C-alpha cells in the first residue's frame, strides 16, 4: 500500500476490502444468510489505472479496460478474494457491473448502492435481482466498509 492507499481496483484493494468486511460486525449480521460468491466488474477503467495495476502485477501488454474482483462471501464473512485484470475471466453466482466512475462514487459515499441497483446503474449480469434486494442492508454495510478501506484513485 502506498501512503495514500490501495489502488482501486487491484488485488491489494480486494484483499483489504475482504479483511475489512471480516472486521465489521454490522456487515456480519446483515449478511449472515448470504452464501454466494460475488464479482464486482468495473468497466471503462481509465488506461492510467489499467497500466498501474498491470505494472503492480508484473504484466505487460494489457488491453482490457474492465477489471473484476471476486469475493467469496459466506454467512457474513469474506473467505477470500481474487482479482482479474481481464473481467471476462471472472465468474461467480452474482456478477454486478458498472463503470469505474460509479464504483468510485460508491466508495466515496456519493451514491446509494441500493438505489444504484434498483435504477440499474449497477447491472446485475448474473444472479437473482430479488435476492439482492432482500439483502439491501448487507449492500449498504458493504459500501460503508468499502469507504473505510484506504483507497487511491488514479483517475
Protein backbone atom coordinates (compact mmCIF):
# COMPACT_ATOMS: atom_id res chain seq x y z
CA UNK A 1 0.00 0.00 0.00
CA UNK A 2 1.25 3.46 -0.80
CA UNK A 3 0.93 6.17 1.82
CA UNK A 4 -2.28 7.22 0.07
CA UNK A 5 -3.99 3.84 0.00
CA UNK A 6 -4.59 0.83 -2.23
CA UNK A 7 -5.17 1.45 -5.93
CA UNK A 8 -8.76 0.73 -6.92
CA UNK A 9 -9.35 -1.77 -8.42
CA UNK A 10 -6.38 -4.01 -7.62
CA UNK A 11 -5.57 -7.31 -5.90
CA UNK A 12 -4.38 -5.38 -2.86
CA UNK A 13 -7.60 -3.36 -2.62
CA UNK A 14 -9.67 -6.56 -2.91
CA UNK A 15 -7.68 -8.19 -0.08
CA UNK A 16 -8.04 -5.12 2.13
CA UNK A 17 -11.79 -4.98 1.47
CA UNK A 18 -12.20 -8.67 2.31
CA UNK A 19 -10.30 -8.15 5.57
CA UNK A 20 -12.38 -5.06 6.39
CA UNK A 21 -15.63 -7.00 5.82
CA UNK A 22 -14.46 -9.62 8.32
CA UNK A 23 -13.79 -6.89 10.87
CA UNK A 24 -17.26 -5.32 10.51
CA UNK A 25 -19.84 -6.83 12.92
CA UNK A 26 -22.67 -4.87 11.25
CA UNK A 27 -21.87 -6.49 7.88
CA UNK A 28 -21.57 -9.91 9.55
CA UNK A 29 -25.10 -9.57 10.97
CA UNK A 30 -26.67 -8.15 7.79
CA UNK A 31 -25.09 -10.84 5.57
CA UNK A 32 -25.36 -13.82 7.93
CA UNK A 33 -27.58 -15.72 5.45
CA UNK A 34 -25.65 -14.76 2.28
CA UNK A 35 -23.88 -17.83 0.79
CA UNK A 36 -22.87 -16.82 -2.75
CA UNK A 37 -19.71 -15.59 -4.42
CA UNK A 38 -19.90 -12.11 -5.93
CA UNK A 39 -17.91 -10.50 -8.72
CA UNK A 40 -17.77 -6.72 -8.99
CA UNK A 41 -16.85 -5.67 -12.54
CA UNK A 42 -15.52 -2.20 -13.25
CA UNK A 43 -15.92 -1.18 -16.91
CA UNK A 44 -14.36 1.78 -18.71
CA UNK A 45 -11.36 1.71 -16.37
CA UNK A 46 -9.03 4.55 -17.41
CA UNK A 47 -5.79 3.43 -19.06
CA UNK A 48 -3.74 5.10 -16.31
CA UNK A 49 -5.36 2.75 -13.79
CA UNK A 50 -5.04 -0.34 -16.01
CA UNK A 51 -1.36 0.38 -16.66
CA UNK A 52 -0.59 0.95 -12.96
CA UNK A 53 -2.35 -2.26 -11.90
CA UNK A 54 -0.70 -4.25 -14.71
CA UNK A 55 2.68 -2.95 -13.52
CA UNK A 56 1.84 -3.93 -9.92
CA UNK A 57 1.00 -7.42 -11.17
CA UNK A 58 4.12 -7.66 -13.35
CA UNK A 59 2.09 -7.79 -16.58
CA UNK A 60 2.63 -6.03 -19.89
CA UNK A 61 0.54 -5.55 -23.00
CA UNK A 62 -2.78 -5.49 -21.12
CA UNK A 63 -5.52 -4.23 -23.43
CA UNK A 64 -8.61 -4.78 -21.27
CA UNK A 65 -10.40 -1.75 -19.85
CA UNK A 66 -12.55 -3.81 -17.46
CA UNK A 67 -11.27 -5.35 -14.24
CA UNK A 68 -13.06 -7.59 -11.77
CA UNK A 69 -12.83 -8.52 -8.12
CA UNK A 70 -14.36 -11.75 -6.85
CA UNK A 71 -15.32 -12.13 -3.22
CA UNK A 72 -16.10 -15.49 -1.60
CA UNK A 73 -18.83 -14.46 0.80
CA UNK A 74 -20.32 -16.90 3.30
CA UNK A 75 -22.60 -16.17 6.25
CA UNK A 76 -21.32 -12.67 6.92
CA UNK A 77 -17.66 -13.40 6.26
CA UNK A 78 -15.32 -12.93 3.33
CA UNK A 79 -13.37 -16.14 2.83
CA UNK A 80 -11.10 -14.79 0.11
CA UNK A 81 -10.76 -12.52 -2.88
CA UNK A 82 -9.50 -12.82 -6.43
CA UNK A 83 -8.61 -10.09 -8.92
CA UNK A 84 -8.95 -10.29 -12.69
CA UNK A 85 -7.33 -7.68 -14.88
CA UNK A 86 -9.49 -9.18 -17.67
CA UNK A 87 -13.06 -9.16 -16.35
CA UNK A 88 -14.23 -11.73 -18.91
CA UNK A 89 -12.31 -14.41 -16.97
CA UNK A 90 -14.26 -13.85 -13.73
CA UNK A 91 -17.33 -15.90 -12.82
CA UNK A 92 -19.48 -16.25 -9.70
CA UNK A 93 -23.06 -16.78 -8.57
CA UNK A 94 -23.57 -13.00 -8.74
CA UNK A 95 -21.92 -10.59 -11.16
CA UNK A 96 -22.52 -6.87 -10.68
CA UNK A 97 -21.16 -4.48 -13.29
CA UNK A 98 -20.85 -0.72 -13.63
CA UNK A 99 -18.44 1.96 -14.77
CA UNK A 100 -15.26 2.70 -12.86
CA UNK A 101 -16.60 6.20 -12.14
CA UNK A 102 -19.70 4.83 -10.37
CA UNK A 103 -17.62 2.40 -8.27
CA UNK A 104 -15.50 5.40 -7.31
CA UNK A 105 -18.61 7.39 -6.34
CA UNK A 106 -19.91 4.44 -4.27
CA UNK A 107 -16.63 4.07 -2.39
CA UNK A 108 -16.56 7.81 -1.74
CA UNK A 109 -20.10 7.68 -0.33
CA UNK A 110 -21.61 9.81 -3.10
CA UNK A 111 -24.05 7.15 -4.37
CA UNK A 112 -26.53 4.88 -2.57
CA UNK A 113 -25.80 1.25 -3.53
CA UNK A 114 -29.42 0.10 -3.29
CA UNK A 115 -30.63 3.00 -5.44
CA UNK A 116 -27.90 2.25 -7.97
CA UNK A 117 -29.02 -1.39 -8.20
CA UNK A 118 -32.73 -0.53 -8.37
CA UNK A 119 -32.13 2.08 -11.08
CA UNK A 120 -29.95 -0.42 -12.97
CA UNK A 121 -26.90 1.86 -12.82
CA UNK A 122 -25.28 -1.22 -11.34
CA UNK A 123 -26.18 -4.01 -13.74
CA UNK A 124 -26.94 -7.47 -12.37
CA UNK A 125 -25.25 -9.57 -15.08
CA UNK A 126 -25.79 -12.84 -13.19
CA UNK A 127 -27.79 -13.80 -10.12
CA UNK A 128 -31.20 -13.06 -8.63
CA UNK A 129 -32.19 -9.40 -8.59
CA UNK A 130 -34.84 -10.20 -5.97
CA UNK A 131 -32.29 -11.80 -3.64
CA UNK A 132 -30.05 -8.74 -3.94
CA UNK A 133 -32.97 -6.52 -2.94
CA UNK A 134 -33.64 -8.78 0.07
CA UNK A 135 -30.03 -8.26 1.15
CA UNK A 136 -30.08 -4.48 0.67
CA UNK A 137 -28.97 -3.93 4.26
CA UNK A 138 -25.85 -6.03 3.59
CA UNK A 139 -25.17 -3.99 0.44
CA UNK A 140 -25.25 -0.80 2.48
CA UNK A 141 -22.92 -2.30 5.09
CA UNK A 142 -20.56 -3.44 2.31
CA UNK A 143 -20.46 0.08 0.88
CA UNK A 144 -19.84 1.56 4.33
CA UNK A 145 -16.99 -0.92 4.74
CA UNK A 146 -15.52 -0.03 1.32
CA UNK A 147 -15.50 3.62 2.38
CA UNK A 148 -13.14 2.68 5.25
CA UNK A 149 -10.57 0.93 3.03
CA UNK A 150 -7.63 3.29 2.35
CA UNK A 151 -8.21 3.84 -1.37
CA UNK A 152 -6.17 5.56 -4.05
CA UNK A 153 -7.99 6.55 -7.24
CA UNK A 154 -5.64 7.23 -10.15
CA UNK A 155 -8.39 8.74 -12.30
